[in-house]
Amino acid sequence: METILLASFTAVESAHAFSAFLPSIFTIKTFAEGKEKDVRQGYIPAVIFGLALGFIISKLTKNWLPLYFSIGTIIFMVIAYEWALRS
């Protein structure tokens, strides 16, 4: 149970990394025309932060579930941001 809770917190914090390094999806969808490259450059620190956090928590708990949750969140966030850029 504790591992699932920590994995969930890791996933939430991975999503927060995207909001820290990138504008909101609404802002991108509304104002980012012509700024796609700048938005995509924000993926780099967000992904690194999410993977590092997932790896550290996984090592501390001796379970890979937090890293898997982090990777799932990263995939979801990149898809959401790419959708916003295309619409």
C-alpha atoms as a PDB file:
ATOM      1  CA  MET A   1       0.000   0.000   0.000  1.00  0.00           C
ATOM      2  CA  GLU A   2       2.817   2.400   0.879  1.00  0.00           C
ATOM      3  CA  THR A   3       4.535   1.771  -2.458  1.00  0.00           C
ATOM      4  CA  ILE A   4       1.336   2.505  -4.392  1.00  0.00           C
ATOM      5  CA  LEU A   5       0.894   5.749  -2.456  1.00  0.00           C
ATOM      6  CA  LEU A   6       4.484   6.822  -3.110  1.00  0.00           C
ATOM      7  CA  ALA A   7       4.136   5.854  -6.778  1.00  0.00           C
ATOM      8  CA  SER A   8       0.984   7.991  -7.013  1.00  0.00           C
ATOM      9  CA  PHE A   9       2.725  10.966  -5.407  1.00  0.00           C
ATOM     10  CA  THR A  10       5.619  10.490  -7.822  1.00  0.00           C
ATOM     11  CA  ALA A  11       3.207  10.569 -10.769  1.00  0.00           C
ATOM     12  CA  VAL A  12       1.558  13.751  -9.486  1.00  0.00           C
ATOM     13  CA  GLU A  13       4.914  15.448  -8.970  1.00  0.00           C
ATOM     14  CA  SER A  14       5.996  14.398 -12.467  1.00  0.00           C
ATOM     15  CA  ALA A  15       2.918  16.178 -13.829  1.00  0.00           C
ATOM     16  CA  HIS A  16       3.768  19.234 -11.733  1.00  0.00           C
ATOM     17  CA  ALA A  17       7.208  19.332 -13.372  1.00  0.00           C
ATOM     18  CA  PHE A  18       5.482  19.945 -16.690  1.00  0.00           C
ATOM     19  CA  SER A  19       3.533  22.866 -15.238  1.00  0.00           C
ATOM     20  CA  ALA A  20       6.762  24.249 -13.783  1.00  0.00           C
ATOM     21  CA  PHE A  21       8.686  24.187 -17.073  1.00  0.00           C
ATOM     22  CA  LEU A  22       5.847  24.782 -19.575  1.00  0.00           C
ATOM     23  CA  PRO A  23       2.817  27.039 -19.875  1.00  0.00           C
ATOM     24  CA  SER A  24      -0.616  25.546 -19.331  1.00  0.00           C
ATOM     25  CA  ILE A  25      -2.262  23.464 -22.031  1.00  0.00           C
ATOM     26  CA  PHE A  26      -4.897  26.189 -22.441  1.00  0.00           C
ATOM     27  CA  THR A  27      -2.207  28.840 -22.949  1.00  0.00           C
ATOM     28  CA  ILE A  28      -0.387  26.701 -25.495  1.00  0.00           C
ATOM     29  CA  LYS A  29      -3.590  25.901 -27.347  1.00  0.00           C
ATOM     30  CA  THR A  30      -4.536  29.573 -27.474  1.00  0.00           C
ATOM     31  CA  PHE A  31      -1.263  31.483 -27.903  1.00  0.00           C
ATOM     32  CA  ALA A  32       1.591  29.166 -28.928  1.00  0.00           C
ATOM     33  CA  GLU A  33       1.221  29.311 -32.695  1.00  0.00           C
ATOM     34  CA  GLY A  34       4.716  29.557 -34.144  1.00  0.00           C
ATOM     35  CA  LYS A  35       6.313  28.722 -30.769  1.00  0.00           C
ATOM     36  CA  GLU A  36       6.216  24.936 -31.053  1.00  0.00           C
ATOM     37  CA  LYS A  37       9.998  24.586 -30.818  1.00  0.00           C
ATOM     38  CA  ASP A  38      10.100  26.637 -27.606  1.00  0.00           C
ATOM     39  CA  VAL A  39       7.344  24.541 -26.055  1.00  0.00           C
ATOM     40  CA  ARG A  40       9.047  21.287 -27.002  1.00  0.00           C
ATOM     41  CA  GLN A  41      12.321  22.469 -25.441  1.00  0.00           C
ATOM     42  CA  GLY A  42      10.423  22.640 -22.144  1.00  0.00           C
ATOM     43  CA  TYR A  43       9.861  18.898 -22.353  1.00  0.00           C
ATOM     44  CA  ILE A  44      13.549  18.258 -21.692  1.00  0.00           C
ATOM     45  CA  PRO A  45      13.800  19.488 -18.079  1.00  0.00           C
ATOM     46  CA  ALA A  46      10.294  18.220 -17.256  1.00  0.00           C
ATOM     47  CA  VAL A  47      11.094  14.714 -18.505  1.00  0.00           C
ATOM     48  CA  ILE A  48      14.488  14.671 -16.772  1.00  0.00           C
ATOM     49  CA  PHE A  49      12.909  15.776 -13.489  1.00  0.00           C
ATOM     50  CA  GLY A  50      10.123  13.179 -13.742  1.00  0.00           C
ATOM     51  CA  LEU A  51      12.494  10.335 -14.585  1.00  0.00           C
ATOM     52  CA  ALA A  52      14.983  11.321 -11.882  1.00  0.00           C
ATOM     53  CA  LEU A  53      12.251  11.544  -9.263  1.00  0.00           C
ATOM     54  CA  GLY A  54      10.794   8.200 -10.318  1.00  0.00           C
ATOM     55  CA  PHE A  55      14.210   6.564 -10.233  1.00  0.00           C
ATOM     56  CA  ILE A  56      15.118   7.987  -6.804  1.00  0.00           C
ATOM     57  CA  ILE A  57      11.814   6.976  -5.213  1.00  0.00           C
ATOM     58  CA  SER A  58      12.079   3.538  -6.827  1.00  0.00           C
ATOM     59  CA  LYS A  59      15.550   3.048  -5.359  1.00  0.00           C
ATOM     60  CA  LEU A  60      14.362   4.175  -1.918  1.00  0.00           C
ATOM     61  CA  THR A  61      11.359   1.838  -1.948  1.00  0.00           C
ATOM     62  CA  LYS A  62      13.236  -0.987  -3.712  1.00  0.00           C
ATOM     63  CA  ASN A  63      10.305  -1.232  -6.119  1.00  0.00           C
ATOM     64  CA  TRP A  64      10.102  -0.010  -9.722  1.00  0.00           C
ATOM     65  CA  LEU A  65       6.425   1.010  -9.518  1.00  0.00           C
ATOM     66  CA  PRO A  66       7.161   4.723  -8.845  1.00  0.00           C
ATOM     67  CA  LEU A  67       9.344   4.880 -11.959  1.00  0.00           C
ATOM     68  CA  TYR A  68       6.633   3.177 -14.031  1.00  0.00           C
ATOM     69  CA  PHE A  69       4.022   5.651 -12.737  1.00  0.00           C
ATOM     70  CA  SER A  70       6.369   8.520 -13.556  1.00  0.00           C
ATOM     71  CA  ILE A  71       6.952   7.228 -17.097  1.00  0.00           C
ATOM     72  CA  GLY A  72       3.203   6.819 -17.614  1.00  0.00           C
ATOM     73  CA  THR A  73       2.591  10.388 -16.479  1.00  0.00           C
ATOM     74  CA  ILE A  74       5.354  11.718 -18.737  1.00  0.00           C
ATOM     75  CA  ILE A  75       3.850   9.923 -21.739  1.00  0.00           C
ATOM     76  CA  PHE A  76       0.396  11.283 -20.922  1.00  0.00           C
ATOM     77  CA  MET A  77       1.679  14.852 -20.485  1.00  0.00           C
ATOM     78  CA  VAL A  78       3.666  14.848 -23.740  1.00  0.00           C
ATOM     79  CA  ILE A  79       0.600  13.553 -25.599  1.00  0.00           C
ATOM     80  CA  ALA A  80      -1.567  16.247 -24.001  1.00  0.00           C
ATOM     81  CA  TYR A  81       0.893  19.015 -24.894  1.00  0.00           C
ATOM     82  CA  GLU A  82       1.301  17.728 -28.449  1.00  0.00           C
ATOM     83  CA  TRP A  83      -2.483  17.682 -28.808  1.00  0.00           C
ATOM     84  CA  ALA A  84      -2.603  21.301 -27.613  1.00  0.00           C
ATOM     85  CA  LEU A  85       0.081  22.301 -30.138  1.00  0.00           C
ATOM     86  CA  ARG A  86      -1.826  20.675 -32.997  1.00  0.00           C
ATOM     87  CA  SER A  87      -5.289  22.006 -32.204  1.00  0.00           C
END
